[in-house]
Amino acid sequence: MTEEELADIKTIEKRFDEWVYGTGRYSGQGPMEMRKEALDAYIKEGLEDYETLEIKRHEDGSITGVPLFASRSPYIKMGKQFGSEVSTEIFLPLVFDYKLNQNMESFEKLMTLFDYYHDQGWAEGSGLGTPDHETNRSSGYFVAVYLMREELKETGRFDREIGAMNWYTDFGKVYGEYKVDYTETTADEMRTHFLYRLLYAMAMEDTPEKVQAINAYREWVESALELNPNFAGTIKPDYTGFHHRGIYVSAYAPHGYHMAVINYLLHDTVFELDQTAQENLKGALEAVDVMTKDYNLPQSLTGRFPKQTGIVSEILPAYAYMALSGDPVTGDEIDKDMAGIFMRLWNPDSSALKKRFNKCRAGISYIDTIGGLELVFDLLDQELPAGEEPQGFFTMPYGGMVIHRRDDWMVNQKGWSQYVWDYESGGTKKENVYGRYCSYGALQIMSESTPAENGITVQDGWDWNRVPGATTKYLPFDLLSSEVNDYAHRSFSDQTFLGGVSSRGQNGMFSMQLHDTQYDPSFYANKSSFFFDDEIICLGSGIQNADKDHETETTLFQSGLNGDTAMPFYLNSTEPITEYPYEKTFTQGETVWMMDPYGNGYYIPKAEGIHIIRNTQTSKDELDKDETQGEYTTAWIGHGKAPENAGYEYVIKVQTTPEKMEQYDGKTYEVLQKDDNAHIIKHIPSNTTAYAVFKTDQPIEQGILASADTPVMVMIKEDGADKIV
């Protein structure tokens, strides 16, 4: 061990201690006071929870108490869980009460708890009956071992606890080679073991073996942060994050990115992560920023947690940690890209951030620390400018989706295929059991005018059948539920045509061939959307299924009114409609325009089958839950029962006005082809022809593209008389 290595280890130790305990340098700030109050409450509750264990030492040296079991043990109802009831709730409160409040009684309780944990089976080499997912709830224990390492040494307990830490963190994995000694790294490991394993190595004695362990750990983290094109639960080449073989934005992967604190702890030391790892982590955080609007994300990206949309407020400190770690390319002391995103999103008066300020407890990860918030204020003290919202058109093929952004709004569209699964329901956990349609071409608009409670999160009365943009069969709850197919979820279809194309990074297209291979194999549809600034041209063809009992529909919008039934929408007039309830059906092929209550316009050149309804909807969030009600304005295109070759054509004008919609005549585009062979449109103002070529056995005969030997998406912009892009 060199002097430089030893000095850098001391630097890392100091950074971690300050990240946990803080220094008090911003004690007068409101958010810091809220976090301190949360810490005090955590300590108080932890002390109370300790008493419920009923631990007693006996004269013969034995120790008894409420039995502890692994979280997935069949005997769990006979006692308490090691992880979620002891590790996360009791260990750290005792550490804080001893370290911060100098309470020696808590020190004695903490040593007793370590002994009781060991007595109940938490030991090196023990499987606890089943170790399945056990360390996902053990952050409190691992952090406590590290913080109490000197006291554990003084009392003769250190070797026992560091052995258990080595065993349960599976530290030996860091010495292995990817695909040789282990299969993959997962998002769960990123959000937990990234920190646990570093603490294990840092707790070792200052020997050459410690340096070897830290370096092996660093190389493992760098490997885990490599762009992985496979199904592994890490970062993909488009910088989306995977979990359970699919894109996950509501949890898991973004929580793993919060481990940017590791990058901060190691930066500017001999153990710092290499440039590629830092750039990949930065790219993943930038991708989250692209995919989210302020603190919210599209419903189609919420995984099995449709109400859990505020991911950015949870991981916001990660942007500060990356900023303070420096720019991995330029070497600047502050990464201004990360700082710009952080400054734009920093809103301490928002309820979302206040919710985070009021947290200071261990969970799956231990992230809401006193010192972490101090680092946030360190960045704020730099008084750097806020960055602009992302602008342009973004394709994310590993998520089967596209993002279109202008000004202060964004649009997301999502599909599924042979390579991208449809949705996650949580199986027998009965989570998101009605969410099957979130990848059936779901198209969601998120803007400043869209209330966060309406359509971004699933609110009371949400109709799971009518996901905006999706082509679906309207089913009763008992048939819509994943329960009808043994909780089938994470399903792949037999169609490979899915994705998007970006034209010069500004405009773009999305297209998919839908086949419901899981619930109704007779259900097919071709869906395409073409995005030009604030104009989205939506086409559908080949919509068919054999279901003669249920209607097939394509939803235009489903807008929650948040209890305000006077919230207006517009229909073929600049005079608002506030009538409630209200219902309108178009049976003829006339031209219709309308505006949803959030300020988005819809132009339908042939409105036959259009339904509009404003009423109180009754719905359910999950199985075995009470029904909920909410007020909505909803519009959809009805394709009838058992359609044979149905289709649609409509245009969305994002964030417009009734006056502009009244003047819009659809002459900005021309549909050149819309059938089972191809969807082709010409956008006249941009002089762009966009193609979704599904089949290749016929000439295209539209525009410059003559033929294709492979199904393909193409956008051709004619730039003058002699140039195309």
Foldseek 3Di string as FASTA:
>chain_A
DDPQQVVLLVLLVVLVVCLFANDCPPVVDPLLVLLVVLLVVLLVQQVVLLVQQVWDADPVGDIDGFAEADPPDPCCVSGHYPFQSDQFRHQVSLVCCCPVVVDVVSVVSNVSVLVVCVVNFLWQPGCRNHCVCRLLRRQSVLVSCLSCLVVCVVVVNNVGSLNSLCRSLVLVCLQDDDPPPDPADALLCLLGSLVSQCSSLSSDDPDVVSVVSLLSSLVSLLVQLDADCFQHQGAHPLLFGHHPSAGALLDRHLSSLLVLVVQLSNAPGPSHHALNSLVSSVSNVVVSLLQAAQQFGAQLRHFLALQRGRSCLVSLLSLLSSQCSARSPPRGNGDLVSLQQSVVNDDCVDPSNSVLSNHQTAGSHRRSHSSSVVSVVVSVVVVHHHDARDAFKGWDVRNLKIWHDDHNKIKIWAAAAQNHWQGANPQPVFGCQLQRQSHQGQIDMDGPLAPCQKNRGQHAQDQNQARARGKGWRDDPVLSGCVVQNNDTRDHDHGDQTIKDGDVRHWIKTWGWDACPRRFRQFIKTWMWTGDPQKIKIKIKQGFGQFQPTWIKHWNDKTFPVPQLQLWKFKLDLDTDSDPFDKDADQFQDWIKMGASSQKIKTFRTRHQKIWGWYKGWADRTPPDDIGITTIIIIIGIQHGRHGMDMGIMMMRPRDHPVVRNVDDPPQKDFPDHYQQWTWMAGRVQRKIKIQGNDFPDFPPDPDRTGDPDGDIDMWGDDPDPDID
